[in-house]
Amino acid sequence: MQTLKDIKCGSGAVVVRLHGEGATKRRIMDMGITKGTSVYVRKVAPLGDPVEVTVRGYELSLRKADAQMIEVQ
């Protein structure tokens, strides 16, 4: 299983599944990250947290903990 956290800077992926429950999962979905969505990793902070991605035409910063809940391929 590969997560968004594992994707290297400058690479893209497609969301396969969201892990997590309740409010956290709903918040990720509200940001536009749903199954089948293309995600492109733009930047990773020097210490690895947060990760900046482009999703649905806008830039979004995610914490590593949230990125780890997003399964991609």
N, C-alpha and C. Protein backbone atom coordinates (compact mmCIF):
# COMPACT_ATOMS: atom_id res chain seq x y z
N MET A 1 0.84 -1.18 0.00
CA MET A 1 0.00 0.00 0.00
C MET A 1 0.89 1.24 0.00
N GLN A 2 0.65 2.14 -0.95
CA GLN A 2 1.41 3.37 -1.05
C GLN A 2 0.50 4.53 -0.67
N THR A 3 1.00 5.42 0.17
CA THR A 3 0.21 6.57 0.59
C THR A 3 0.75 7.85 -0.03
N LEU A 4 0.00 8.91 0.09
CA LEU A 4 0.41 10.20 -0.44
C LEU A 4 1.70 10.68 0.21
N LYS A 5 1.91 10.28 1.44
CA LYS A 5 3.14 10.65 2.16
C LYS A 5 4.38 10.07 1.47
N ASP A 6 4.25 8.93 0.80
CA ASP A 6 5.38 8.24 0.17
C ASP A 6 5.72 8.78 -1.21
N ILE A 7 4.86 9.58 -1.81
CA ILE A 7 5.08 10.09 -3.16
C ILE A 7 6.16 11.17 -3.12
N LYS A 8 7.08 11.10 -4.06
CA LYS A 8 8.18 12.06 -4.13
C LYS A 8 7.72 13.38 -4.73
N CYS A 9 8.44 14.43 -4.40
CA CYS A 9 8.16 15.76 -4.92
C CYS A 9 8.28 15.75 -6.45
N GLY A 10 7.32 16.34 -7.13
CA GLY A 10 7.32 16.38 -8.59
C GLY A 10 6.62 15.21 -9.24
N SER A 11 6.00 14.34 -8.44
CA SER A 11 5.30 13.17 -8.97
C SER A 11 3.80 13.31 -8.76
N GLY A 12 3.06 12.59 -9.56
CA GLY A 12 1.60 12.59 -9.44
C GLY A 12 1.10 11.20 -9.08
N ALA A 13 -0.15 11.14 -8.65
CA ALA A 13 -0.77 9.87 -8.29
C ALA A 13 -2.29 10.04 -8.35
N VAL A 14 -2.98 8.91 -8.26
CA VAL A 14 -4.45 8.91 -8.25
C VAL A 14 -4.90 8.31 -6.92
N VAL A 15 -5.87 8.96 -6.29
CA VAL A 15 -6.38 8.49 -5.00
C VAL A 15 -7.17 7.20 -5.22
N VAL A 16 -6.82 6.18 -4.42
CA VAL A 16 -7.49 4.89 -4.50
C VAL A 16 -8.50 4.74 -3.35
N ARG A 17 -8.09 5.18 -2.15
CA ARG A 17 -8.93 4.97 -0.98
C ARG A 17 -8.53 5.94 0.12
N LEU A 18 -9.50 6.33 0.94
CA LEU A 18 -9.23 7.15 2.12
C LEU A 18 -9.39 6.29 3.36
N HIS A 19 -8.37 6.30 4.19
CA HIS A 19 -8.44 5.60 5.47
C HIS A 19 -8.82 6.63 6.53
N GLY A 20 -9.10 6.18 7.71
CA GLY A 20 -9.50 7.11 8.77
C GLY A 20 -11.00 7.07 8.95
N GLU A 21 -11.45 7.82 9.96
CA GLU A 21 -12.87 7.78 10.30
C GLU A 21 -13.40 9.16 10.66
N GLY A 22 -14.69 9.27 10.64
CA GLY A 22 -15.39 10.42 11.17
C GLY A 22 -14.99 11.76 10.59
N ALA A 23 -14.76 12.73 11.49
CA ALA A 23 -14.51 14.11 11.11
C ALA A 23 -13.24 14.27 10.28
N THR A 24 -12.22 13.49 10.58
CA THR A 24 -10.96 13.60 9.84
C THR A 24 -11.15 13.19 8.39
N LYS A 25 -11.81 12.07 8.17
CA LYS A 25 -12.07 11.60 6.80
C LYS A 25 -12.97 12.59 6.06
N ARG A 26 -13.97 13.11 6.72
CA ARG A 26 -14.89 14.07 6.12
C ARG A 26 -14.14 15.35 5.73
N ARG A 27 -13.22 15.81 6.58
CA ARG A 27 -12.45 17.03 6.30
C ARG A 27 -11.59 16.85 5.06
N ILE A 28 -10.95 15.69 4.92
CA ILE A 28 -10.13 15.40 3.74
C ILE A 28 -11.01 15.38 2.48
N MET A 29 -12.17 14.77 2.57
CA MET A 29 -13.09 14.73 1.43
C MET A 29 -13.60 16.12 1.08
N ASP A 30 -13.85 16.95 2.09
CA ASP A 30 -14.31 18.32 1.84
C ASP A 30 -13.26 19.17 1.14
N MET A 31 -11.99 18.81 1.29
CA MET A 31 -10.91 19.52 0.61
C MET A 31 -10.79 19.11 -0.86
N GLY A 32 -11.61 18.15 -1.29
CA GLY A 32 -11.61 17.74 -2.69
C GLY A 32 -10.84 16.47 -2.98
N ILE A 33 -10.33 15.82 -1.94
CA ILE A 33 -9.57 14.59 -2.14
C ILE A 33 -10.53 13.41 -1.98
N THR A 34 -10.95 12.86 -3.12
CA THR A 34 -11.87 11.73 -3.13
C THR A 34 -11.32 10.65 -4.05
N LYS A 35 -11.92 9.49 -4.01
CA LYS A 35 -11.48 8.36 -4.84
C LYS A 35 -11.48 8.75 -6.32
N GLY A 36 -10.38 8.45 -7.02
CA GLY A 36 -10.27 8.72 -8.43
C GLY A 36 -9.70 10.09 -8.77
N THR A 37 -9.44 10.92 -7.77
CA THR A 37 -8.90 12.27 -7.99
C THR A 37 -7.39 12.21 -8.23
N SER A 38 -6.92 12.98 -9.21
CA SER A 38 -5.49 13.09 -9.47
C SER A 38 -4.87 14.09 -8.50
N VAL A 39 -3.71 13.73 -7.96
CA VAL A 39 -3.00 14.57 -7.00
C VAL A 39 -1.55 14.69 -7.46
N TYR A 40 -1.00 15.91 -7.44
CA TYR A 40 0.38 16.16 -7.84
C TYR A 40 1.12 16.77 -6.65
N VAL A 41 2.24 16.16 -6.25
CA VAL A 41 3.02 16.66 -5.12
C VAL A 41 3.94 17.77 -5.60
N ARG A 42 3.68 19.00 -5.16
CA ARG A 42 4.44 20.18 -5.59
C ARG A 42 5.69 20.40 -4.75
N LYS A 43 5.53 20.38 -3.43
CA LYS A 43 6.64 20.68 -2.53
C LYS A 43 6.53 19.84 -1.27
N VAL A 44 7.68 19.60 -0.67
CA VAL A 44 7.72 18.96 0.64
C VAL A 44 8.60 19.84 1.51
N ALA A 45 8.13 20.20 2.69
CA ALA A 45 8.90 21.06 3.58
C ALA A 45 10.21 20.37 3.97
N PRO A 46 11.23 21.14 4.36
CA PRO A 46 12.54 20.56 4.69
C PRO A 46 12.50 19.41 5.70
N LEU A 47 11.62 19.51 6.67
CA LEU A 47 11.51 18.43 7.65
C LEU A 47 10.42 17.43 7.29
N GLY A 48 9.84 17.58 6.11
CA GLY A 48 8.85 16.62 5.63
C GLY A 48 7.41 16.92 5.99
N ASP A 49 7.18 17.98 6.74
CA ASP A 49 5.82 18.28 7.17
C ASP A 49 5.61 19.78 7.10
N PRO A 50 4.70 20.33 6.35
CA PRO A 50 3.65 19.69 5.57
C PRO A 50 4.08 19.39 4.13
N VAL A 51 3.16 18.76 3.41
CA VAL A 51 3.34 18.44 2.00
C VAL A 51 2.37 19.32 1.21
N GLU A 52 2.86 19.97 0.17
CA GLU A 52 1.98 20.80 -0.65
C GLU A 52 1.63 20.04 -1.93
N VAL A 53 0.34 19.90 -2.19
CA VAL A 53 -0.13 19.16 -3.36
C VAL A 53 -1.06 20.04 -4.19
N THR A 54 -1.17 19.70 -5.46
CA THR A 54 -2.16 20.33 -6.33
C THR A 54 -3.27 19.31 -6.55
N VAL A 55 -4.48 19.71 -6.23
CA VAL A 55 -5.64 18.84 -6.39
C VAL A 55 -6.80 19.68 -6.92
N ARG A 56 -7.42 19.21 -8.00
CA ARG A 56 -8.56 19.90 -8.62
C ARG A 56 -8.27 21.37 -8.94
N GLY A 57 -7.02 21.66 -9.33
CA GLY A 57 -6.67 23.00 -9.79
C GLY A 57 -6.27 23.99 -8.71
N TYR A 58 -6.13 23.55 -7.47
CA TYR A 58 -5.67 24.47 -6.42
C TYR A 58 -4.61 23.81 -5.56
N GLU A 59 -3.82 24.64 -4.86
CA GLU A 59 -2.76 24.14 -4.00
C GLU A 59 -3.30 23.90 -2.60
N LEU A 60 -2.85 22.81 -2.00
CA LEU A 60 -3.34 22.41 -0.69
C LEU A 60 -2.17 21.89 0.12
N SER A 61 -2.05 22.31 1.37
CA SER A 61 -1.01 21.80 2.26
C SER A 61 -1.63 20.79 3.21
N LEU A 62 -0.97 19.64 3.33
CA LEU A 62 -1.46 18.56 4.19
C LEU A 62 -0.39 18.17 5.20
N ARG A 63 -0.80 17.87 6.40
CA ARG A 63 0.12 17.34 7.39
C ARG A 63 0.48 15.91 7.00
N LYS A 64 1.64 15.44 7.46
CA LYS A 64 2.06 14.07 7.15
C LYS A 64 1.04 13.06 7.65
N ALA A 65 0.47 13.31 8.82
CA ALA A 65 -0.51 12.38 9.39
C ALA A 65 -1.74 12.25 8.47
N ASP A 66 -2.17 13.36 7.88
CA ASP A 66 -3.31 13.31 6.96
C ASP A 66 -2.92 12.67 5.64
N ALA A 67 -1.72 12.98 5.14
CA ALA A 67 -1.25 12.40 3.88
C ALA A 67 -1.11 10.89 3.99
N GLN A 68 -0.80 10.40 5.17
CA GLN A 68 -0.64 8.96 5.36
C GLN A 68 -1.97 8.22 5.30
N MET A 69 -3.07 8.92 5.46
CA MET A 69 -4.40 8.29 5.40
C MET A 69 -4.92 8.18 3.97
N ILE A 70 -4.20 8.77 2.99
CA ILE A 70 -4.66 8.78 1.62
C ILE A 70 -3.89 7.75 0.80
N GLU A 71 -4.55 6.66 0.45
CA GLU A 71 -3.91 5.60 -0.34
C GLU A 71 -3.96 5.98 -1.81
N VAL A 72 -2.80 5.87 -2.49
CA VAL A 72 -2.70 6.27 -3.90
C VAL A 72 -2.03 5.17 -4.72
N GLN A 73 -2.09 5.34 -6.05
CA GLN A 73 -1.36 4.44 -6.95
C GLN A 73 -0.82 5.21 -8.11
